[in-house]
PDB file of N, CA and C in Angstrom:
ATOM      1  N   MET A   1      10.970  -3.440  37.230  1.00  0.00           N
ATOM      2  CA  MET A   1      11.536  -3.261  35.912  1.00  0.00           C
ATOM      3  C   MET A   1      10.896  -2.037  35.271  1.00  0.00           C
ATOM      4  N   VAL A   2      11.703  -1.214  34.672  1.00  0.00           N
ATOM      5  CA  VAL A   2      11.218  -0.036  33.976  1.00  0.00           C
ATOM      6  C   VAL A   2      11.282  -0.305  32.493  1.00  0.00           C
ATOM      7  N   TYR A   3      10.156  -0.182  31.825  1.00  0.00           N
ATOM      8  CA  TYR A   3      10.114  -0.401  30.395  1.00  0.00           C
ATOM      9  C   TYR A   3      10.521   0.883  29.680  1.00  0.00           C
ATOM     10  N   PRO A   4      11.289   0.766  28.617  1.00  0.00           N
ATOM     11  CA  PRO A   4      11.779   1.968  27.950  1.00  0.00           C
ATOM     12  C   PRO A   4      10.683   2.716  27.199  1.00  0.00           C
ATOM     13  N   SER A   5      10.771   4.014  27.265  1.00  0.00           N
ATOM     14  CA  SER A   5       9.935   4.846  26.411  1.00  0.00           C
ATOM     15  C   SER A   5      10.849   5.338  25.297  1.00  0.00           C
ATOM     16  N   TYR A   6      10.476   5.109  24.094  1.00  0.00           N
ATOM     17  CA  TYR A   6      11.356   5.444  23.001  1.00  0.00           C
ATOM     18  C   TYR A   6      10.561   5.953  21.813  1.00  0.00           C
ATOM     19  N   ASN A   7      11.293   6.497  20.882  1.00  0.00           N
ATOM     20  CA  ASN A   7      10.705   7.029  19.670  1.00  0.00           C
ATOM     21  C   ASN A   7      10.309   5.870  18.767  1.00  0.00           C
ATOM     22  N   ALA A   8       9.051   5.822  18.381  1.00  0.00           N
ATOM     23  CA  ALA A   8       8.551   4.702  17.589  1.00  0.00           C
ATOM     24  C   ALA A   8       9.210   4.607  16.222  1.00  0.00           C
ATOM     25  N   VAL A   9       9.715   5.696  15.705  1.00  0.00           N
ATOM     26  CA  VAL A   9      10.338   5.668  14.387  1.00  0.00           C
ATOM     27  C   VAL A   9      11.673   4.932  14.453  1.00  0.00           C
ATOM     28  N   ARG A  10      12.396   5.072  15.545  1.00  0.00           N
ATOM     29  CA  ARG A  10      13.700   4.439  15.660  1.00  0.00           C
ATOM     30  C   ARG A  10      13.609   2.991  16.125  1.00  0.00           C
ATOM     31  N   ALA A  11      12.602   2.665  16.895  1.00  0.00           N
ATOM     32  CA  ALA A  11      12.507   1.323  17.472  1.00  0.00           C
ATOM     33  C   ALA A  11      12.032   0.317  16.434  1.00  0.00           C
ATOM     34  N   ASP A  12      12.784  -0.706  16.245  1.00  0.00           N
ATOM     35  CA  ASP A  12      12.441  -1.813  15.354  1.00  0.00           C
ATOM     36  C   ASP A  12      12.198  -1.392  13.907  1.00  0.00           C
ATOM     37  N   GLY A  13      12.591  -0.195  13.531  1.00  0.00           N
ATOM     38  CA  GLY A  13      12.444   0.232  12.160  1.00  0.00           C
ATOM     39  C   GLY A  13      11.034   0.608  11.752  1.00  0.00           C
ATOM     40  N   TRP A  14      10.137   0.739  12.718  1.00  0.00           N
ATOM     41  CA  TRP A  14       8.756   1.066  12.391  1.00  0.00           C
ATOM     42  C   TRP A  14       8.660   2.512  11.949  1.00  0.00           C
ATOM     43  N   VAL A  15       8.051   2.743  10.794  1.00  0.00           N
ATOM     44  CA  VAL A  15       7.916   4.082  10.263  1.00  0.00           C
ATOM     45  C   VAL A  15       6.469   4.338   9.857  1.00  0.00           C
ATOM     46  N   GLY A  16       5.538   3.817  10.612  1.00  0.00           N
ATOM     47  CA  GLY A  16       4.113   3.966  10.301  1.00  0.00           C
ATOM     48  C   GLY A  16       3.616   5.368  10.582  1.00  0.00           C
ATOM     49  N   THR A  17       2.323   5.518  10.565  1.00  0.00           N
ATOM     50  CA  THR A  17       1.723   6.822  10.784  1.00  0.00           C
ATOM     51  C   THR A  17       1.912   7.254  12.227  1.00  0.00           C
ATOM     52  N   GLY A  18       1.746   8.536  12.494  1.00  0.00           N
ATOM     53  CA  GLY A  18       1.864   9.058  13.846  1.00  0.00           C
ATOM     54  C   GLY A  18       0.644   8.771  14.686  1.00  0.00           C
ATOM     55  N   ALA A  19      -0.436   8.307  14.077  1.00  0.00           N
ATOM     56  CA  ALA A  19      -1.653   8.002  14.824  1.00  0.00           C
ATOM     57  C   ALA A  19      -1.395   6.818  15.743  1.00  0.00           C
ATOM     58  N   PRO A  20      -1.934   6.857  16.963  1.00  0.00           N
ATOM     59  CA  PRO A  20      -1.644   5.782  17.904  1.00  0.00           C
ATOM     60  C   PRO A  20      -2.081   4.399  17.420  1.00  0.00           C
ATOM     61  N   TYR A  21      -3.159   4.322  16.691  1.00  0.00           N
ATOM     62  CA  TYR A  21      -3.630   3.034  16.219  1.00  0.00           C
ATOM     63  C   TYR A  21      -3.644   2.998  14.703  1.00  0.00           C
ATOM     64  N   GLY A  22      -2.614   3.558  14.128  1.00  0.00           N
ATOM     65  CA  GLY A  22      -2.511   3.624  12.681  1.00  0.00           C
ATOM     66  C   GLY A  22      -2.165   2.277  12.076  1.00  0.00           C
ATOM     67  N   PRO A  23      -2.237   2.178  10.769  1.00  0.00           N
ATOM     68  CA  PRO A  23      -1.957   0.909  10.101  1.00  0.00           C
ATOM     69  C   PRO A  23      -0.470   0.564  10.127  1.00  0.00           C
ATOM     70  N   VAL A  24      -0.177  -0.698  10.027  1.00  0.00           N
ATOM     71  CA  VAL A  24       1.206  -1.151   9.941  1.00  0.00           C
ATOM     72  C   VAL A  24       1.675  -0.914   8.518  1.00  0.00           C
ATOM     73  N   THR A  25       2.820  -0.251   8.376  1.00  0.00           N
ATOM     74  CA  THR A  25       3.299   0.064   7.034  1.00  0.00           C
ATOM     75  C   THR A  25       4.601  -0.647   6.696  1.00  0.00           C
ATOM     76  N   SER A  26       5.184  -1.370   7.650  1.00  0.00           N
ATOM     77  CA  SER A  26       6.413  -2.091   7.336  1.00  0.00           C
ATOM     78  C   SER A  26       6.480  -3.365   8.155  1.00  0.00           C
ATOM     79  N   GLY A  27       7.106  -4.370   7.621  1.00  0.00           N
ATOM     80  CA  GLY A  27       7.319  -5.623   8.333  1.00  0.00           C
ATOM     81  C   GLY A  27       6.157  -6.579   8.202  1.00  0.00           C
ATOM     82  N   PRO A  28       6.440  -7.857   8.459  1.00  0.00           N
ATOM     83  CA  PRO A  28       5.375  -8.860   8.390  1.00  0.00           C
ATOM     84  C   PRO A  28       4.399  -8.693   9.549  1.00  0.00           C
ATOM     85  N   THR A  29       3.155  -9.044   9.320  1.00  0.00           N
ATOM     86  CA  THR A  29       2.136  -8.874  10.353  1.00  0.00           C
ATOM     87  C   THR A  29       1.780 -10.177  11.032  1.00  0.00           C
ATOM     88  N   ASP A  30       2.359 -11.286  10.627  1.00  0.00           N
ATOM     89  CA  ASP A  30       1.994 -12.577  11.193  1.00  0.00           C
ATOM     90  C   ASP A  30       2.963 -13.064  12.265  1.00  0.00           C
ATOM     91  N   THR A  31       3.804 -12.216  12.792  1.00  0.00           N
ATOM     92  CA  THR A  31       4.755 -12.599  13.835  1.00  0.00           C
ATOM     93  C   THR A  31       4.514 -11.737  15.079  1.00  0.00           C
ATOM     94  N   PRO A  32       4.623 -12.321  16.266  1.00  0.00           N
ATOM     95  CA  PRO A  32       4.419 -11.536  17.481  1.00  0.00           C
ATOM     96  C   PRO A  32       5.594 -10.625  17.815  1.00  0.00           C
ATOM     97  N   PHE A  33       6.691 -10.721  17.075  1.00  0.00           N
ATOM     98  CA  PHE A  33       7.868  -9.932  17.377  1.00  0.00           C
ATOM     99  C   PHE A  33       7.893  -8.581  16.670  1.00  0.00           C
ATOM    100  N   VAL A  34       6.939  -8.316  15.807  1.00  0.00           N
ATOM    101  CA  VAL A  34       6.858  -7.040  15.117  1.00  0.00           C
ATOM    102  C   VAL A  34       6.054  -6.084  15.982  1.00  0.00           C
ATOM    103  N   ARG A  35       6.609  -4.922  16.219  1.00  0.00           N
ATOM    104  CA  ARG A  35       5.917  -3.911  17.010  1.00  0.00           C
ATOM    105  C   ARG A  35       5.234  -2.943  16.061  1.00  0.00           C
ATOM    106  N   ASP A  36       3.920  -3.014  16.045  1.00  0.00           N
ATOM    107  CA  ASP A  36       3.172  -2.152  15.137  1.00  0.00           C
ATOM    108  C   ASP A  36       2.719  -0.890  15.877  1.00  0.00           C
ATOM    109  N   GLY A  37       1.876  -0.110  15.248  1.00  0.00           N
ATOM    110  CA  GLY A  37       1.409   1.147  15.822  1.00  0.00           C
ATOM    111  C   GLY A  37       0.670   0.974  17.131  1.00  0.00           C
ATOM    112  N   GLN A  38      -0.074  -0.092  17.274  1.00  0.00           N
ATOM    113  CA  GLN A  38      -0.815  -0.322  18.511  1.00  0.00           C
ATOM    114  C   GLN A  38       0.127  -0.598  19.679  1.00  0.00           C
ATOM    115  N   VAL A  39       1.160  -1.366  19.434  1.00  0.00           N
ATOM    116  CA  VAL A  39       2.124  -1.653  20.499  1.00  0.00           C
ATOM    117  C   VAL A  39       2.861  -0.390  20.905  1.00  0.00           C
ATOM    118  N   HIS A  40       3.294   0.398  19.926  1.00  0.00           N
ATOM    119  CA  HIS A  40       4.000   1.642  20.235  1.00  0.00           C
ATOM    120  C   HIS A  40       3.097   2.634  20.967  1.00  0.00           C
ATOM    121  N   ALA A  41       1.825   2.593  20.718  1.00  0.00           N
ATOM    122  CA  ALA A  41       0.901   3.488  21.422  1.00  0.00           C
ATOM    123  C   ALA A  41       0.742   3.077  22.877  1.00  0.00           C
ATOM    124  N   MET A  42       0.948   1.813  23.178  1.00  0.00           N
ATOM    125  CA  MET A  42       0.792   1.323  24.556  1.00  0.00           C
ATOM    126  C   MET A  42       2.044   1.462  25.408  1.00  0.00           C
ATOM    127  N   THR A  43       3.204   1.635  24.825  1.00  0.00           N
ATOM    128  CA  THR A  43       4.445   1.623  25.594  1.00  0.00           C
ATOM    129  C   THR A  43       4.506   2.663  26.709  1.00  0.00           C
ATOM    130  N   PRO A  44       3.973   3.880  26.569  1.00  0.00           N
ATOM    131  CA  PRO A  44       4.025   4.803  27.705  1.00  0.00           C
ATOM    132  C   PRO A  44       3.245   4.296  28.919  1.00  0.00           C
ATOM    133  N   ASP A  45       2.241   3.477  28.695  1.00  0.00           N
ATOM    134  CA  ASP A  45       1.433   2.972  29.805  1.00  0.00           C
ATOM    135  C   ASP A  45       2.102   1.827  30.549  1.00  0.00           C
ATOM    136  N   TRP A  46       3.114   1.216  29.983  1.00  0.00           N
ATOM    137  CA  TRP A  46       3.749   0.070  30.633  1.00  0.00           C
ATOM    138  C   TRP A  46       4.409   0.461  31.948  1.00  0.00           C
ATOM    139  N   ASN A  47       5.003   1.657  32.014  1.00  0.00           N
ATOM    140  CA  ASN A  47       5.626   2.095  33.259  1.00  0.00           C
ATOM    141  C   ASN A  47       4.580   2.279  34.350  1.00  0.00           C
ATOM    142  N   THR A  48       3.427   2.799  33.999  1.00  0.00           N
ATOM    143  CA  THR A  48       2.359   2.978  34.981  1.00  0.00           C
ATOM    144  C   THR A  48       1.868   1.636  35.480  1.00  0.00           C
ATOM    145  N   ILE A  49       1.669   0.690  34.581  1.00  0.00           N
ATOM    146  CA  ILE A  49       1.224  -0.646  34.972  1.00  0.00           C
ATOM    147  C   ILE A  49       2.283  -1.321  35.839  1.00  0.00           C
ATOM    148  N   ALA A  50       3.543  -1.148  35.501  1.00  0.00           N
ATOM    149  CA  ALA A  50       4.615  -1.730  36.314  1.00  0.00           C
ATOM    150  C   ALA A  50       4.600  -1.150  37.722  1.00  0.00           C
ATOM    151  N   ALA A  51       4.314   0.134  37.853  1.00  0.00           N
ATOM    152  CA  ALA A  51       4.282   0.773  39.170  1.00  0.00           C
ATOM    153  C   ALA A  51       3.120   0.262  40.011  1.00  0.00           C
ATOM    154  N   VAL A  52       1.927   0.186  39.438  1.00  0.00           N
ATOM    155  CA  VAL A  52       0.765  -0.212  40.244  1.00  0.00           C
ATOM    156  C   VAL A  52       0.722  -1.712  40.506  1.00  0.00           C
ATOM    157  N   THR A  53       1.491  -2.499  39.773  1.00  0.00           N
ATOM    158  CA  THR A  53       1.548  -3.926  40.077  1.00  0.00           C
ATOM    159  C   THR A  53       2.736  -4.270  40.971  1.00  0.00           C
ATOM    160  N   SER A  54       3.737  -3.417  41.032  1.00  0.00           N
ATOM    161  CA  SER A  54       4.923  -3.708  41.844  1.00  0.00           C
ATOM    162  C   SER A  54       4.813  -3.166  43.263  1.00  0.00           C
ATOM    163  N   GLY A  55       4.149  -2.040  43.436  1.00  0.00           N
ATOM    164  CA  GLY A  55       3.931  -1.523  44.781  1.00  0.00           C
ATOM    165  C   GLY A  55       4.985  -0.539  45.259  1.00  0.00           C
ATOM    166  N   SER A  56       5.135  -0.490  46.568  1.00  0.00           N
ATOM    167  CA  SER A  56       5.937   0.538  47.238  1.00  0.00           C
ATOM    168  C   SER A  56       7.410   0.532  46.834  1.00  0.00           C
ATOM    169  N   ASP A  57       8.014  -0.631  46.749  1.00  0.00           N
ATOM    170  CA  ASP A  57       9.444  -0.688  46.421  1.00  0.00           C
ATOM    171  C   ASP A  57       9.734  -0.072  45.060  1.00  0.00           C
ATOM    172  N   TYR A  58       8.831  -0.263  44.129  1.00  0.00           N
ATOM    173  CA  TYR A  58       9.019   0.286  42.782  1.00  0.00           C
ATOM    174  C   TYR A  58       9.042   1.813  42.811  1.00  0.00           C
ATOM    175  N   ILE A  59       8.060   2.419  43.477  1.00  0.00           N
ATOM    176  CA  ILE A  59       8.030   3.887  43.485  1.00  0.00           C
ATOM    177  C   ILE A  59       9.125   4.471  44.358  1.00  0.00           C
ATOM    178  N   LYS A  60       9.550   3.722  45.378  1.00  0.00           N
ATOM    179  CA  LYS A  60      10.667   4.212  46.199  1.00  0.00           C
ATOM    180  C   LYS A  60      11.971   4.181  45.410  1.00  0.00           C
ATOM    181  N   ASN A  61      12.168   3.155  44.597  1.00  0.00           N
ATOM    182  CA  ASN A  61      13.373   3.084  43.767  1.00  0.00           C
ATOM    183  C   ASN A  61      13.376   4.163  42.683  1.00  0.00           C
ATOM    184  N   LEU A  62      12.204   4.532  42.213  1.00  0.00           N
ATOM    185  CA  LEU A  62      12.089   5.577  41.180  1.00  0.00           C
ATOM    186  C   LEU A  62      11.475   6.853  41.765  1.00  0.00           C
ATOM    187  N   HIS A  63      11.947   7.226  42.938  1.00  0.00           N
ATOM    188  CA  HIS A  63      11.353   8.366  43.641  1.00  0.00           C
ATOM    189  C   HIS A  63      11.478   9.674  42.876  1.00  0.00           C
ATOM    190  N   ASP A  64      12.498   9.816  42.043  1.00  0.00           N
ATOM    191  CA  ASP A  64      12.626  11.055  41.260  1.00  0.00           C
ATOM    192  C   ASP A  64      11.456  11.232  40.304  1.00  0.00           C
ATOM    193  N   ARG A  65      10.929  10.137  39.805  1.00  0.00           N
ATOM    194  CA  ARG A  65       9.823  10.206  38.848  1.00  0.00           C
ATOM    195  C   ARG A  65       8.459  10.286  39.536  1.00  0.00           C
ATOM    196  N   TYR A  66       8.259   9.439  40.557  1.00  0.00           N
ATOM    197  CA  TYR A  66       6.939   9.334  41.170  1.00  0.00           C
ATOM    198  C   TYR A  66       6.769  10.176  42.434  1.00  0.00           C
ATOM    199  N   LEU A  67       7.854  10.504  43.103  1.00  0.00           N
ATOM    200  CA  LEU A  67       7.786  11.294  44.333  1.00  0.00           C
ATOM    201  C   LEU A  67       8.786  12.444  44.260  1.00  0.00           C
ATOM    202  N   PRO A  68       8.550  13.418  43.397  1.00  0.00           N
ATOM    203  CA  PRO A  68       9.528  14.501  43.270  1.00  0.00           C
ATOM    204  C   PRO A  68       9.595  15.349  44.535  1.00  0.00           C
ATOM    205  N   GLN A  69      10.760  15.915  44.771  1.00  0.00           N
ATOM    206  CA  GLN A  69      10.958  16.762  45.940  1.00  0.00           C
ATOM    207  C   GLN A  69      10.237  18.083  45.748  1.00  0.00           C
ATOM    208  N   GLU A  70       9.542  18.510  46.793  1.00  0.00           N
ATOM    209  CA  GLU A  70       8.822  19.788  46.753  1.00  0.00           C
ATOM    210  C   GLU A  70       9.829  20.931  46.747  1.00  0.00           C
ATOM    211  N   PRO A  71       9.446  22.109  46.221  1.00  0.00           N
ATOM    212  CA  PRO A  71      10.409  23.208  46.083  1.00  0.00           C
ATOM    213  C   PRO A  71      11.094  23.628  47.392  1.00  0.00           C
ATOM    214  N   ARG A  72      10.363  23.702  48.495  1.00  0.00           N
ATOM    215  CA  ARG A  72      10.975  24.151  49.752  1.00  0.00           C
ATOM    216  C   ARG A  72      11.153  23.012  50.762  1.00  0.00           C
ATOM    217  N   GLU A  73      11.101  21.801  50.301  1.00  0.00           N
ATOM    218  CA  GLU A  73      11.246  20.650  51.186  1.00  0.00           C
ATOM    219  C   GLU A  73      12.736  20.364  51.407  1.00  0.00           C
ATOM    220  N   ASP A  74      13.138  20.294  52.671  1.00  0.00           N
ATOM    221  CA  ASP A  74      14.552  20.007  52.927  1.00  0.00           C
ATOM    222  C   ASP A  74      14.835  18.524  52.697  1.00  0.00           C
ATOM    223  N   GLU A  75      16.099  18.189  52.613  1.00  0.00           N
ATOM    224  CA  GLU A  75      16.520  16.844  52.223  1.00  0.00           C
ATOM    225  C   GLU A  75      16.060  15.779  53.220  1.00  0.00           C
ATOM    226  N   ASP A  76      16.123  16.076  54.526  1.00  0.00           N
ATOM    227  CA  ASP A  76      15.701  15.094  55.532  1.00  0.00           C
ATOM    228  C   ASP A  76      14.203  14.814  55.441  1.00  0.00           C
ATOM    229  N   ALA A  77      13.406  15.847  55.236  1.00  0.00           N
ATOM    230  CA  ALA A  77      11.957  15.661  55.110  1.00  0.00           C
ATOM    231  C   ALA A  77      11.627  14.868  53.843  1.00  0.00           C
ATOM    232  N   TYR A  78      12.363  15.116  52.786  1.00  0.00           N
ATOM    233  CA  TYR A  78      12.146  14.395  51.534  1.00  0.00           C
ATOM    234  C   TYR A  78      12.472  12.908  51.699  1.00  0.00           C
ATOM    235  N   LYS A  79      13.605  12.607  52.316  1.00  0.00           N
ATOM    236  CA  LYS A  79      13.969  11.205  52.542  1.00  0.00           C
ATOM    237  C   LYS A  79      12.962  10.516  53.449  1.00  0.00           C
ATOM    238  N   SER A  80      12.457  11.230  54.433  1.00  0.00           N
ATOM    239  CA  SER A  80      11.444  10.671  55.330  1.00  0.00           C
ATOM    240  C   SER A  80      10.151  10.382  54.578  1.00  0.00           C
ATOM    241  N   ARG A  81       9.770  11.286  53.679  1.00  0.00           N
ATOM    242  CA  ARG A  81       8.552  11.086  52.890  1.00  0.00           C
ATOM    243  C   ARG A  81       8.693   9.889  51.945  1.00  0.00           C
ATOM    244  N   ILE A  82       9.861   9.726  51.377  1.00  0.00           N
ATOM    245  CA  ILE A  82      10.099   8.562  50.520  1.00  0.00           C
ATOM    246  C   ILE A  82      10.022   7.280  51.352  1.00  0.00           C
ATOM    247  N   TYR A  83      10.622   7.300  52.526  1.00  0.00           N
ATOM    248  CA  TYR A  83      10.628   6.119  53.394  1.00  0.00           C
ATOM    249  C   TYR A  83       9.213   5.729  53.812  1.00  0.00           C
ATOM    250  N   ARG A  84       8.339   6.715  54.062  1.00  0.00           N
ATOM    251  CA  ARG A  84       6.974   6.447  54.525  1.00  0.00           C
ATOM    252  C   ARG A  84       5.980   6.194  53.398  1.00  0.00           C
ATOM    253  N   SER A  85       6.389   6.358  52.157  1.00  0.00           N
ATOM    254  CA  SER A  85       5.478   6.214  51.021  1.00  0.00           C
ATOM    255  C   SER A  85       5.008   4.775  50.869  1.00  0.00           C
ATOM    256  N   VAL A  86       3.723   4.641  50.577  1.00  0.00           N
ATOM    257  CA  VAL A  86       3.124   3.316  50.427  1.00  0.00           C
ATOM    258  C   VAL A  86       2.278   3.303  49.154  1.00  0.00           C
ATOM    259  N   LEU A  87       2.442   2.249  48.378  1.00  0.00           N
ATOM    260  CA  LEU A  87       1.595   2.012  47.222  1.00  0.00           C
ATOM    261  C   LEU A  87       1.246   0.538  47.214  1.00  0.00           C
ATOM    262  N   SER A  88       0.024   0.233  47.565  1.00  0.00           N
ATOM    263  CA  SER A  88      -0.415  -1.161  47.576  1.00  0.00           C
ATOM    264  C   SER A  88      -0.650  -1.633  46.146  1.00  0.00           C
ATOM    265  N   PRO A  89      -0.225  -2.844  45.833  1.00  0.00           N
ATOM    266  CA  PRO A  89      -0.414  -3.363  44.471  1.00  0.00           C
ATOM    267  C   PRO A  89      -1.851  -3.855  44.255  1.00  0.00           C
ATOM    268  N   PHE A  90      -2.789  -2.913  44.208  1.00  0.00           N
ATOM    269  CA  PHE A  90      -4.201  -3.270  44.070  1.00  0.00           C
ATOM    270  C   PHE A  90      -4.500  -3.980  42.753  1.00  0.00           C
ATOM    271  N   CYS A  91      -3.781  -3.630  41.691  1.00  0.00           N
ATOM    272  CA  CYS A  91      -4.037  -4.276  40.397  1.00  0.00           C
ATOM    273  C   CYS A  91      -3.814  -5.771  40.467  1.00  0.00           C
ATOM    274  N   LEU A  92      -2.791  -6.202  41.171  1.00  0.00           N
ATOM    275  CA  LEU A  92      -2.545  -7.639  41.306  1.00  0.00           C
ATOM    276  C   LEU A  92      -3.661  -8.296  42.100  1.00  0.00           C
ATOM    277  N   ARG A  93      -4.107  -7.643  43.155  1.00  0.00           N
ATOM    278  CA  ARG A  93      -5.192  -8.192  43.958  1.00  0.00           C
ATOM    279  C   ARG A  93      -6.478  -8.291  43.141  1.00  0.00           C
ATOM    280  N   LEU A  94      -6.751  -7.274  42.360  1.00  0.00           N
ATOM    281  CA  LEU A  94      -7.968  -7.286  41.543  1.00  0.00           C
ATOM    282  C   LEU A  94      -7.903  -8.360  40.455  1.00  0.00           C
ATOM    283  N   SER A  95      -6.729  -8.528  39.870  1.00  0.00           N
ATOM    284  CA  SER A  95      -6.623  -9.518  38.794  1.00  0.00           C
ATOM    285  C   SER A  95      -6.691 -10.960  39.331  1.00  0.00           C
ATOM    286  N   LYS A  96      -6.335 -11.161  40.597  1.00  0.00           N
ATOM    287  CA  LYS A  96      -6.387 -12.502  41.178  1.00  0.00           C
ATOM    288  C   LYS A  96      -7.707 -12.811  41.833  1.00  0.00           C
ATOM    289  N   THR A  97      -8.553 -11.806  42.013  1.00  0.00           N
ATOM    290  CA  THR A  97      -9.861 -12.006  42.635  1.00  0.00           C
ATOM    291  C   THR A  97     -10.837 -12.525  41.592  1.00  0.00           C
ATOM    292  N   PRO A  98     -11.455 -13.671  41.845  1.00  0.00           N
ATOM    293  CA  PRO A  98     -12.421 -14.190  40.866  1.00  0.00           C
ATOM    294  C   PRO A  98     -13.701 -13.351  40.874  1.00  0.00           C
ATOM    295  N   PRO A  99     -14.336 -13.211  39.731  1.00  0.00           N
ATOM    296  CA  PRO A  99     -15.583 -12.450  39.691  1.00  0.00           C
ATOM    297  C   PRO A  99     -16.671 -13.159  40.493  1.00  0.00           C
ATOM    298  N   ALA A 100     -17.526 -12.367  41.097  1.00  0.00           N
ATOM    299  CA  ALA A 100     -18.589 -12.943  41.923  1.00  0.00           C
ATOM    300  C   ALA A 100     -19.752 -13.446  41.093  1.00  0.00           C
TER     301      ALA A 100
END
């Protein structure tokens, strides 16, 4: 799943400060459905987290973003490189490993 990257001013009507961890200036603060400045500051990182927890299939499906074609790479070599690409979901393994 790819999480959307969007303009914080348009999303959910939030019009707070441009600072990533700025104060909430609109909406109630006691509901989990309000996206404040902290949530909007984290949204660009969600795609990265989705990639490292999903593994190889995720980056192969989004090869234009994560595996761009080199300037002089022919189409067959590019498809072969995408096919051979591997990304182990280490984050999932680390999160499931109990601390020693």
